[in-house]
Structures are given as structure tokens and as C-alpha cells.
Amino acid sequence: MTDTEKKIEKRQEALIAESMGQAIRHYRDKKEMSQSDVCAVSNLERNTFQRYDSGKVSSPKINNLIKIAKALDITPGDIINKAYEFLQANPKFNS
């Protein structure tokens, strides 16, 4: 893999992480839950959840997504689908 391909891949991973955070915040806002609320229900450490919520996790652990989704009363698929919508709407992703 060339340096250019590595940079493109790294940029795409960052955009994917950002879209996952947007999706989680979308559902958290929709449920009117704070980060603390989600942490309390999901039993995730606050710093772990903050990384997901802020879009800093490029390779999310499925068990954490399940905990977050359960706390938000949605499915992990809902988070992934919404993240995909945000990602497709981002012109930086396809460039």
C-alpha cells in the first residue's frame, strides 16, 4: 500500500468514526439523554462513551455498540445505518 493509499484509508476511518459519533448523538438527543444517562444505563465508563459520542472510535467494539444501543432503546443496526447515512452525506468521504 502506498503512502497516499494509507492517508486515504486513515482519512476514511476518521470520517467513519465521526459518522458513528454523529449517529450516537442523534439518537441520544432524540431520547433526550445526557452522556451521563447513557453511561449509567449502559455501564460503560464515561471516558469510553465520550470517545464513541465524540466520534473518536474508528473500530468500535460490538459489545460496546450493543450496550449503547440498549441504553438508547434502539438496535446496533440503527446506529450503523444512521452512521452510513451521515457518511454518504459527507462530501469528503467520496473524494
PDB file of N, CA and C in Angstrom:
ATOM      1  N   MET A   1       0.857  -1.181   0.000  1.00  0.00           N
ATOM      2  CA  MET A   1       0.000   0.000   0.000  1.00  0.00           C
ATOM      3  C   MET A   1       0.901   1.241   0.000  1.00  0.00           C
ATOM      4  N   THR A   2       0.580   2.159  -0.870  1.00  0.00           N
ATOM      5  CA  THR A   2       1.376   3.379  -0.973  1.00  0.00           C
ATOM      6  C   THR A   2       1.035   4.332   0.171  1.00  0.00           C
ATOM      7  N   ASP A   3       1.889   5.331   0.357  1.00  0.00           N
ATOM      8  CA  ASP A   3       1.636   6.335   1.390  1.00  0.00           C
ATOM      9  C   ASP A   3       0.332   7.069   1.125  1.00  0.00           C
ATOM     10  N   THR A   4       0.062   7.360  -0.131  1.00  0.00           N
ATOM     11  CA  THR A   4      -1.183   8.047  -0.496  1.00  0.00           C
ATOM     12  C   THR A   4      -2.385   7.181  -0.148  1.00  0.00           C
ATOM     13  N   GLU A   5      -2.316   5.898  -0.450  1.00  0.00           N
ATOM     14  CA  GLU A   5      -3.422   4.990  -0.122  1.00  0.00           C
ATOM     15  C   GLU A   5      -3.612   4.886   1.386  1.00  0.00           C
ATOM     16  N   LYS A   6      -2.515   4.881   2.133  1.00  0.00           N
ATOM     17  CA  LYS A   6      -2.591   4.841   3.590  1.00  0.00           C
ATOM     18  C   LYS A   6      -3.258   6.096   4.145  1.00  0.00           C
ATOM     19  N   LYS A   7      -2.913   7.241   3.569  1.00  0.00           N
ATOM     20  CA  LYS A   7      -3.519   8.504   4.012  1.00  0.00           C
ATOM     21  C   LYS A   7      -5.018   8.520   3.721  1.00  0.00           C
ATOM     22  N   ILE A   8      -5.384   8.042   2.544  1.00  0.00           N
ATOM     23  CA  ILE A   8      -6.806   7.984   2.174  1.00  0.00           C
ATOM     24  C   ILE A   8      -7.560   7.064   3.122  1.00  0.00           C
ATOM     25  N   GLU A   9      -6.986   5.906   3.400  1.00  0.00           N
ATOM     26  CA  GLU A   9      -7.623   4.950   4.309  1.00  0.00           C
ATOM     27  C   GLU A   9      -7.773   5.542   5.711  1.00  0.00           C
ATOM     28  N   LYS A  10      -6.737   6.210   6.178  1.00  0.00           N
ATOM     29  CA  LYS A  10      -6.777   6.828   7.510  1.00  0.00           C
ATOM     30  C   LYS A  10      -7.849   7.923   7.561  1.00  0.00           C
ATOM     31  N   ARG A  11      -7.951   8.722   6.492  1.00  0.00           N
ATOM     32  CA  ARG A  11      -8.969   9.773   6.434  1.00  0.00           C
ATOM     33  C   ARG A  11     -10.371   9.156   6.432  1.00  0.00           C
ATOM     34  N   GLN A  12     -10.553   8.072   5.684  1.00  0.00           N
ATOM     35  CA  GLN A  12     -11.852   7.419   5.646  1.00  0.00           C
ATOM     36  C   GLN A  12     -12.215   6.826   7.006  1.00  0.00           C
ATOM     37  N   GLU A  13     -11.245   6.245   7.688  1.00  0.00           N
ATOM     38  CA  GLU A  13     -11.501   5.715   9.030  1.00  0.00           C
ATOM     39  C   GLU A  13     -11.937   6.823   9.980  1.00  0.00           C
ATOM     40  N   ALA A  14     -11.310   7.974   9.882  1.00  0.00           N
ATOM     41  CA  ALA A  14     -11.685   9.108  10.732  1.00  0.00           C
ATOM     42  C   ALA A  14     -13.099   9.582  10.407  1.00  0.00           C
ATOM     43  N   LEU A  15     -13.463   9.599   9.137  1.00  0.00           N
ATOM     44  CA  LEU A  15     -14.810  10.010   8.745  1.00  0.00           C
ATOM     45  C   LEU A  15     -15.850   8.999   9.218  1.00  0.00           C
ATOM     46  N   ILE A  16     -15.506   7.726   9.180  1.00  0.00           N
ATOM     47  CA  ILE A  16     -16.414   6.685   9.671  1.00  0.00           C
ATOM     48  C   ILE A  16     -16.622   6.854  11.177  1.00  0.00           C
ATOM     49  N   ALA A  17     -15.536   7.068  11.906  1.00  0.00           N
ATOM     50  CA  ALA A  17     -15.643   7.285  13.353  1.00  0.00           C
ATOM     51  C   ALA A  17     -16.513   8.505  13.646  1.00  0.00           C
ATOM     52  N   GLU A  18     -16.301   9.567  12.888  1.00  0.00           N
ATOM     53  CA  GLU A  18     -17.090  10.792  13.064  1.00  0.00           C
ATOM     54  C   GLU A  18     -18.575  10.522  12.815  1.00  0.00           C
ATOM     55  N   SER A  19     -18.880   9.759  11.787  1.00  0.00           N
ATOM     56  CA  SER A  19     -20.286   9.471  11.477  1.00  0.00           C
ATOM     57  C   SER A  19     -20.921   8.579  12.540  1.00  0.00           C
ATOM     58  N   MET A  20     -20.132   7.679  13.140  1.00  0.00           N
ATOM     59  CA  MET A  20     -20.661   6.855  14.235  1.00  0.00           C
ATOM     60  C   MET A  20     -21.008   7.750  15.431  1.00  0.00           C
ATOM     61  N   GLY A  21     -20.131   8.693  15.725  1.00  0.00           N
ATOM     62  CA  GLY A  21     -20.410   9.634  16.809  1.00  0.00           C
ATOM     63  C   GLY A  21     -21.646  10.460  16.531  1.00  0.00           C
ATOM     64  N   GLN A  22     -21.786  10.910  15.289  1.00  0.00           N
ATOM     65  CA  GLN A  22     -22.976  11.690  14.922  1.00  0.00           C
ATOM     66  C   GLN A  22     -24.238  10.855  15.120  1.00  0.00           C
ATOM     67  N   ALA A  23     -24.176   9.593  14.733  1.00  0.00           N
ATOM     68  CA  ALA A  23     -25.346   8.715  14.859  1.00  0.00           C
ATOM     69  C   ALA A  23     -25.710   8.518  16.329  1.00  0.00           C
ATOM     70  N   ILE A  24     -24.716   8.274  17.151  1.00  0.00           N
ATOM     71  CA  ILE A  24     -24.973   8.077  18.587  1.00  0.00           C
ATOM     72  C   ILE A  24     -25.553   9.348  19.184  1.00  0.00           C
ATOM     73  N   ARG A  25     -24.975  10.497  18.858  1.00  0.00           N
ATOM     74  CA  ARG A  25     -25.516  11.771  19.371  1.00  0.00           C
ATOM     75  C   ARG A  25     -26.930  12.012  18.861  1.00  0.00           C
ATOM     76  N   HIS A  26     -27.202  11.650  17.615  1.00  0.00           N
ATOM     77  CA  HIS A  26     -28.547  11.812  17.046  1.00  0.00           C
ATOM     78  C   HIS A  26     -29.574  11.072  17.912  1.00  0.00           C
ATOM     79  N   TYR A  27     -29.296   9.802  18.190  1.00  0.00           N
ATOM     80  CA  TYR A  27     -30.242   9.014  18.986  1.00  0.00           C
ATOM     81  C   TYR A  27     -30.255   9.445  20.447  1.00  0.00           C
ATOM     82  N   ARG A  28     -29.114   9.854  20.968  1.00  0.00           N
ATOM     83  CA  ARG A  28     -29.065  10.328  22.356  1.00  0.00           C
ATOM     84  C   ARG A  28     -29.893  11.597  22.497  1.00  0.00           C
ATOM     85  N   ASP A  29     -29.759  12.509  21.543  1.00  0.00           N
ATOM     86  CA  ASP A  29     -30.555  13.743  21.562  1.00  0.00           C
ATOM     87  C   ASP A  29     -32.037  13.444  21.392  1.00  0.00           C
ATOM     88  N   LYS A  30     -32.323  12.509  20.511  1.00  0.00           N
ATOM     89  CA  LYS A  30     -33.724  12.133  20.261  1.00  0.00           C
ATOM     90  C   LYS A  30     -34.378  11.584  21.529  1.00  0.00           C
ATOM     91  N   LYS A  31     -33.607  10.865  22.327  1.00  0.00           N
ATOM     92  CA  LYS A  31     -34.114  10.310  23.587  1.00  0.00           C
ATOM     93  C   LYS A  31     -33.951  11.281  24.754  1.00  0.00           C
ATOM     94  N   GLU A  32     -33.363  12.452  24.472  1.00  0.00           N
ATOM     95  CA  GLU A  32     -33.110  13.475  25.488  1.00  0.00           C
ATOM     96  C   GLU A  32     -32.309  12.911  26.659  1.00  0.00           C
ATOM     97  N   MET A  33     -31.242  12.211  26.312  1.00  0.00           N
ATOM     98  CA  MET A  33     -30.368  11.614  27.317  1.00  0.00           C
ATOM     99  C   MET A  33     -29.016  12.314  27.294  1.00  0.00           C
ATOM    100  N   SER A  34     -28.468  12.528  28.461  1.00  0.00           N
ATOM    101  CA  SER A  34     -27.121  13.083  28.559  1.00  0.00           C
ATOM    102  C   SER A  34     -26.112  11.939  28.420  1.00  0.00           C
ATOM    103  N   GLN A  35     -24.844  12.302  28.289  1.00  0.00           N
ATOM    104  CA  GLN A  35     -23.806  11.275  28.276  1.00  0.00           C
ATOM    105  C   GLN A  35     -23.844  10.482  29.581  1.00  0.00           C
ATOM    106  N   SER A  36     -24.043  11.169  30.674  1.00  0.00           N
ATOM    107  CA  SER A  36     -24.108  10.502  31.986  1.00  0.00           C
ATOM    108  C   SER A  36     -25.259   9.508  32.054  1.00  0.00           C
ATOM    109  N   ASP A  37     -26.399   9.892  31.473  1.00  0.00           N
ATOM    110  CA  ASP A  37     -27.552   8.992  31.448  1.00  0.00           C
ATOM    111  C   ASP A  37     -27.208   7.693  30.720  1.00  0.00           C
ATOM    112  N   VAL A  38     -26.594   7.840  29.546  1.00  0.00           N
ATOM    113  CA  VAL A  38     -26.243   6.655  28.753  1.00  0.00           C
ATOM    114  C   VAL A  38     -25.223   5.802  29.499  1.00  0.00           C
ATOM    115  N   CYS A  39     -24.256   6.443  30.119  1.00  0.00           N
ATOM    116  CA  CYS A  39     -23.242   5.699  30.885  1.00  0.00           C
ATOM    117  C   CYS A  39     -23.879   4.921  32.024  1.00  0.00           C
ATOM    118  N   ALA A  40     -24.814   5.547  32.711  1.00  0.00           N
ATOM    119  CA  ALA A  40     -25.468   4.895  33.847  1.00  0.00           C
ATOM    120  C   ALA A  40     -26.243   3.660  33.402  1.00  0.00           C
ATOM    121  N   VAL A  41     -26.931   3.757  32.285  1.00  0.00           N
ATOM    122  CA  VAL A  41     -27.748   2.645  31.800  1.00  0.00           C
ATOM    123  C   VAL A  41     -26.884   1.566  31.142  1.00  0.00           C
ATOM    124  N   SER A  42     -25.860   1.981  30.422  1.00  0.00           N
ATOM    125  CA  SER A  42     -25.045   1.031  29.656  1.00  0.00           C
ATOM    126  C   SER A  42     -23.912   0.402  30.465  1.00  0.00           C
ATOM    127  N   ASN A  43     -23.607   0.972  31.615  1.00  0.00           N
ATOM    128  CA  ASN A  43     -22.468   0.531  32.431  1.00  0.00           C
ATOM    129  C   ASN A  43     -21.129   0.701  31.718  1.00  0.00           C
ATOM    130  N   LEU A  44     -21.055   1.656  30.805  1.00  0.00           N
ATOM    131  CA  LEU A  44     -19.779   1.993  30.171  1.00  0.00           C
ATOM    132  C   LEU A  44     -19.100   3.084  30.986  1.00  0.00           C
ATOM    133  N   GLU A  45     -17.786   3.038  31.008  1.00  0.00           N
ATOM    134  CA  GLU A  45     -17.035   4.110  31.647  1.00  0.00           C
ATOM    135  C   GLU A  45     -17.289   5.394  30.869  1.00  0.00           C
ATOM    136  N   ARG A  46     -17.330   6.504  31.575  1.00  0.00           N
ATOM    137  CA  ARG A  46     -17.627   7.790  30.928  1.00  0.00           C
ATOM    138  C   ARG A  46     -16.632   8.117  29.812  1.00  0.00           C
ATOM    139  N   ASN A  47     -15.341   7.904  30.057  1.00  0.00           N
ATOM    140  CA  ASN A  47     -14.351   8.238  29.029  1.00  0.00           C
ATOM    141  C   ASN A  47     -14.507   7.344  27.797  1.00  0.00           C
ATOM    142  N   THR A  48     -14.908   6.104  27.989  1.00  0.00           N
ATOM    143  CA  THR A  48     -15.155   5.208  26.848  1.00  0.00           C
ATOM    144  C   THR A  48     -16.327   5.723  26.025  1.00  0.00           C
ATOM    145  N   PHE A  49     -17.428   6.045  26.713  1.00  0.00           N
ATOM    146  CA  PHE A  49     -18.596   6.530  25.977  1.00  0.00           C
ATOM    147  C   PHE A  49     -18.307   7.861  25.295  1.00  0.00           C
ATOM    148  N   GLN A  50     -17.581   8.737  25.958  1.00  0.00           N
ATOM    149  CA  GLN A  50     -17.261  10.036  25.364  1.00  0.00           C
ATOM    150  C   GLN A  50     -16.494   9.863  24.055  1.00  0.00           C
ATOM    151  N   ARG A  51     -15.622   8.876  23.989  1.00  0.00           N
ATOM    152  CA  ARG A  51     -14.866   8.619  22.756  1.00  0.00           C
ATOM    153  C   ARG A  51     -15.808   8.195  21.626  1.00  0.00           C
ATOM    154  N   TYR A  52     -16.803   7.373  21.951  1.00  0.00           N
ATOM    155  CA  TYR A  52     -17.789   6.965  20.936  1.00  0.00           C
ATOM    156  C   TYR A  52     -18.635   8.166  20.520  1.00  0.00           C
ATOM    157  N   ASP A  53     -19.133   8.883  21.499  1.00  0.00           N
ATOM    158  CA  ASP A  53     -20.044  10.008  21.264  1.00  0.00           C
ATOM    159  C   ASP A  53     -19.375  11.138  20.486  1.00  0.00           C
ATOM    160  N   SER A  54     -18.081  11.300  20.686  1.00  0.00           N
ATOM    161  CA  SER A  54     -17.362  12.384  20.005  1.00  0.00           C
ATOM    162  C   SER A  54     -16.768  11.944  18.669  1.00  0.00           C
ATOM    163  N   GLY A  55     -16.984  10.682  18.297  1.00  0.00           N
ATOM    164  CA  GLY A  55     -16.503  10.216  17.008  1.00  0.00           C
ATOM    165  C   GLY A  55     -15.017   9.919  16.970  1.00  0.00           C
ATOM    166  N   LYS A  56     -14.472   9.458  18.073  1.00  0.00           N
ATOM    167  CA  LYS A  56     -13.037   9.171  18.150  1.00  0.00           C
ATOM    168  C   LYS A  56     -12.718   7.683  18.025  1.00  0.00           C
ATOM    169  N   VAL A  57     -13.748   6.834  17.890  1.00  0.00           N
ATOM    170  CA  VAL A  57     -13.534   5.391  17.822  1.00  0.00           C
ATOM    171  C   VAL A  57     -13.737   4.921  16.390  1.00  0.00           C
ATOM    172  N   SER A  58     -12.633   4.574  15.730  1.00  0.00           N
ATOM    173  CA  SER A  58     -12.734   4.163  14.328  1.00  0.00           C
ATOM    174  C   SER A  58     -13.072   2.687  14.172  1.00  0.00           C
ATOM    175  N   SER A  59     -12.778   1.890  15.164  1.00  0.00           N
ATOM    176  CA  SER A  59     -13.110   0.455  15.130  1.00  0.00           C
ATOM    177  C   SER A  59     -13.886   0.113  16.400  1.00  0.00           C
ATOM    178  N   PRO A  60     -15.191   0.397  16.391  1.00  0.00           N
ATOM    179  CA  PRO A  60     -15.978   0.188  17.616  1.00  0.00           C
ATOM    180  C   PRO A  60     -16.095  -1.295  17.973  1.00  0.00           C
ATOM    181  N   LYS A  61     -16.086  -1.562  19.255  1.00  0.00           N
ATOM    182  CA  LYS A  61     -16.297  -2.925  19.743  1.00  0.00           C
ATOM    183  C   LYS A  61     -17.799  -3.196  19.724  1.00  0.00           C
ATOM    184  N   ILE A  62     -18.172  -4.335  19.183  1.00  0.00           N
ATOM    185  CA  ILE A  62     -19.593  -4.661  19.051  1.00  0.00           C
ATOM    186  C   ILE A  62     -20.273  -4.713  20.412  1.00  0.00           C
ATOM    187  N   ASN A  63     -19.578  -5.214  21.434  1.00  0.00           N
ATOM    188  CA  ASN A  63     -20.223  -5.277  22.750  1.00  0.00           C
ATOM    189  C   ASN A  63     -20.522  -3.880  23.283  1.00  0.00           C
ATOM    190  N   ASN A  64     -19.672  -2.896  22.979  1.00  0.00           N
ATOM    191  CA  ASN A  64     -19.952  -1.519  23.397  1.00  0.00           C
ATOM    192  C   ASN A  64     -21.105  -0.928  22.600  1.00  0.00           C
ATOM    193  N   LEU A  65     -21.156  -1.215  21.296  1.00  0.00           N
ATOM    194  CA  LEU A  65     -22.285  -0.733  20.489  1.00  0.00           C
ATOM    195  C   LEU A  65     -23.601  -1.326  20.985  1.00  0.00           C
ATOM    196  N   ILE A  66     -23.563  -2.580  21.363  1.00  0.00           N
ATOM    197  CA  ILE A  66     -24.773  -3.229  21.895  1.00  0.00           C
ATOM    198  C   ILE A  66     -25.210  -2.538  23.185  1.00  0.00           C
ATOM    199  N   LYS A  67     -24.265  -2.259  24.080  1.00  0.00           N
ATOM    200  CA  LYS A  67     -24.591  -1.573  25.336  1.00  0.00           C
ATOM    201  C   LYS A  67     -25.174  -0.186  25.084  1.00  0.00           C
ATOM    202  N   ILE A  68     -24.555   0.557  24.160  1.00  0.00           N
ATOM    203  CA  ILE A  68     -25.036   1.902  23.837  1.00  0.00           C
ATOM    204  C   ILE A  68     -26.431   1.829  23.227  1.00  0.00           C
ATOM    205  N   ALA A  69     -26.605   0.929  22.274  1.00  0.00           N
ATOM    206  CA  ALA A  69     -27.905   0.789  21.621  1.00  0.00           C
ATOM    207  C   ALA A  69     -28.986   0.407  22.622  1.00  0.00           C
ATOM    208  N   LYS A  70     -28.673  -0.529  23.499  1.00  0.00           N
ATOM    209  CA  LYS A  70     -29.648  -0.956  24.506  1.00  0.00           C
ATOM    210  C   LYS A  70     -30.034   0.212  25.409  1.00  0.00           C
ATOM    211  N   ALA A  71     -29.042   1.012  25.807  1.00  0.00           N
ATOM    212  CA  ALA A  71     -29.317   2.180  26.652  1.00  0.00           C
ATOM    213  C   ALA A  71     -30.220   3.185  25.940  1.00  0.00           C
ATOM    214  N   LEU A  72     -30.075   3.271  24.616  1.00  0.00           N
ATOM    215  CA  LEU A  72     -30.869   4.219  23.825  1.00  0.00           C
ATOM    216  C   LEU A  72     -32.162   3.602  23.303  1.00  0.00           C
ATOM    217  N   ASP A  73     -32.402   2.331  23.643  1.00  0.00           N
ATOM    218  CA  ASP A  73     -33.602   1.600  23.231  1.00  0.00           C
ATOM    219  C   ASP A  73     -33.711   1.512  21.704  1.00  0.00           C
ATOM    220  N   ILE A  74     -32.575   1.213  21.079  1.00  0.00           N
ATOM    221  CA  ILE A  74     -32.506   1.004  19.634  1.00  0.00           C
ATOM    222  C   ILE A  74     -31.633  -0.227  19.395  1.00  0.00           C
ATOM    223  N   THR A  75     -31.390  -0.553  18.135  1.00  0.00           N
ATOM    224  CA  THR A  75     -30.521  -1.679  17.819  1.00  0.00           C
ATOM    225  C   THR A  75     -29.149  -1.157  17.371  1.00  0.00           C
ATOM    226  N   PRO A  76     -28.121  -1.985  17.480  1.00  0.00           N
ATOM    227  CA  PRO A  76     -26.824  -1.575  16.934  1.00  0.00           C
ATOM    228  C   PRO A  76     -26.938  -1.257  15.437  1.00  0.00           C
ATOM    229  N   GLY A  77     -27.807  -1.969  14.753  1.00  0.00           N
ATOM    230  CA  GLY A  77     -28.033  -1.710  13.328  1.00  0.00           C
ATOM    231  C   GLY A  77     -28.562  -0.309  13.081  1.00  0.00           C
ATOM    232  N   ASP A  78     -29.382   0.195  13.992  1.00  0.00           N
ATOM    233  CA  ASP A  78     -29.889   1.570  13.855  1.00  0.00           C
ATOM    234  C   ASP A  78     -28.718   2.562  13.866  1.00  0.00           C
ATOM    235  N   ILE A  79     -27.777   2.331  14.768  1.00  0.00           N
ATOM    236  CA  ILE A  79     -26.607   3.218  14.851  1.00  0.00           C
ATOM    237  C   ILE A  79     -25.801   3.129  13.564  1.00  0.00           C
ATOM    238  N   ILE A  80     -25.556   1.922  13.110  1.00  0.00           N
ATOM    239  CA  ILE A  80     -24.752   1.724  11.897  1.00  0.00           C
ATOM    240  C   ILE A  80     -25.445   2.319  10.681  1.00  0.00           C
ATOM    241  N   ASN A  81     -26.740   2.098  10.552  1.00  0.00           N
ATOM    242  CA  ASN A  81     -27.475   2.648   9.404  1.00  0.00           C
ATOM    243  C   ASN A  81     -27.479   4.171   9.411  1.00  0.00           C
ATOM    244  N   LYS A  82     -27.681   4.765  10.578  1.00  0.00           N
ATOM    245  CA  LYS A  82     -27.673   6.228  10.664  1.00  0.00           C
ATOM    246  C   LYS A  82     -26.268   6.758  10.377  1.00  0.00           C
ATOM    247  N   ALA A  83     -25.254   6.061  10.874  1.00  0.00           N
ATOM    248  CA  ALA A  83     -23.872   6.466  10.598  1.00  0.00           C
ATOM    249  C   ALA A  83     -23.603   6.408   9.097  1.00  0.00           C
ATOM    250  N   TYR A  84     -24.117   5.399   8.446  1.00  0.00           N
ATOM    251  CA  TYR A  84     -23.942   5.270   6.999  1.00  0.00           C
ATOM    252  C   TYR A  84     -24.625   6.429   6.270  1.00  0.00           C
ATOM    253  N   GLU A  85     -25.801   6.825   6.731  1.00  0.00           N
ATOM    254  CA  GLU A  85     -26.493   7.979   6.137  1.00  0.00           C
ATOM    255  C   GLU A  85     -25.632   9.238   6.272  1.00  0.00           C
ATOM    256  N   PHE A  86     -25.116   9.469   7.467  1.00  0.00           N
ATOM    257  CA  PHE A  86     -24.256  10.639   7.682  1.00  0.00           C
ATOM    258  C   PHE A  86     -23.006  10.564   6.811  1.00  0.00           C
ATOM    259  N   LEU A  87     -22.450   9.384   6.703  1.00  0.00           N
ATOM    260  CA  LEU A  87     -21.241   9.191   5.914  1.00  0.00           C
ATOM    261  C   LEU A  87     -21.494   9.480   4.440  1.00  0.00           C
ATOM    262  N   GLN A  88     -22.578   8.984   3.907  1.00  0.00           N
ATOM    263  CA  GLN A  88     -22.904   9.206   2.495  1.00  0.00           C
ATOM    264  C   GLN A  88     -23.190  10.674   2.202  1.00  0.00           C
ATOM    265  N   ALA A  89     -23.671  11.389   3.201  1.00  0.00           N
ATOM    266  CA  ALA A  89     -23.959  12.814   3.018  1.00  0.00           C
ATOM    267  C   ALA A  89     -22.722  13.680   3.122  1.00  0.00           C
ATOM    268  N   ASN A  90     -21.611  13.095   3.550  1.00  0.00           N
ATOM    269  CA  ASN A  90     -20.366  13.831   3.733  1.00  0.00           C
ATOM    270  C   ASN A  90     -19.567  13.831   2.435  1.00  0.00           C
ATOM    271  N   PRO A  91     -19.434  14.970   1.778  1.00  0.00           N
ATOM    272  CA  PRO A  91     -18.724  15.003   0.506  1.00  0.00           C
ATOM    273  C   PRO A  91     -17.241  14.620   0.616  1.00  0.00           C
ATOM    274  N   LYS A  92     -16.674  14.725   1.804  1.00  0.00           N
ATOM    275  CA  LYS A  92     -15.267  14.365   1.989  1.00  0.00           C
ATOM    276  C   LYS A  92     -15.044  12.861   1.862  1.00  0.00           C
ATOM    277  N   PHE A  93     -16.099  12.067   2.138  1.00  0.00           N
ATOM    278  CA  PHE A  93     -15.933  10.623   2.142  1.00  0.00           C
ATOM    279  C   PHE A  93     -15.675  10.072   0.739  1.00  0.00           C
ATOM    280  N   ASN A  94     -16.325  10.614  -0.239  1.00  0.00           N
ATOM    281  CA  ASN A  94     -16.206  10.090  -1.603  1.00  0.00           C
ATOM    282  C   ASN A  94     -15.130  10.773  -2.418  1.00  0.00           C
ATOM    283  N   SER A  95     -14.388  11.671  -1.793  1.00  0.00           N
ATOM    284  CA  SER A  95     -13.349  12.386  -2.561  1.00  0.00           C
ATOM    285  C   SER A  95     -11.989  11.768  -2.374  1.00  0.00           C
TER     286      SER A  95
END
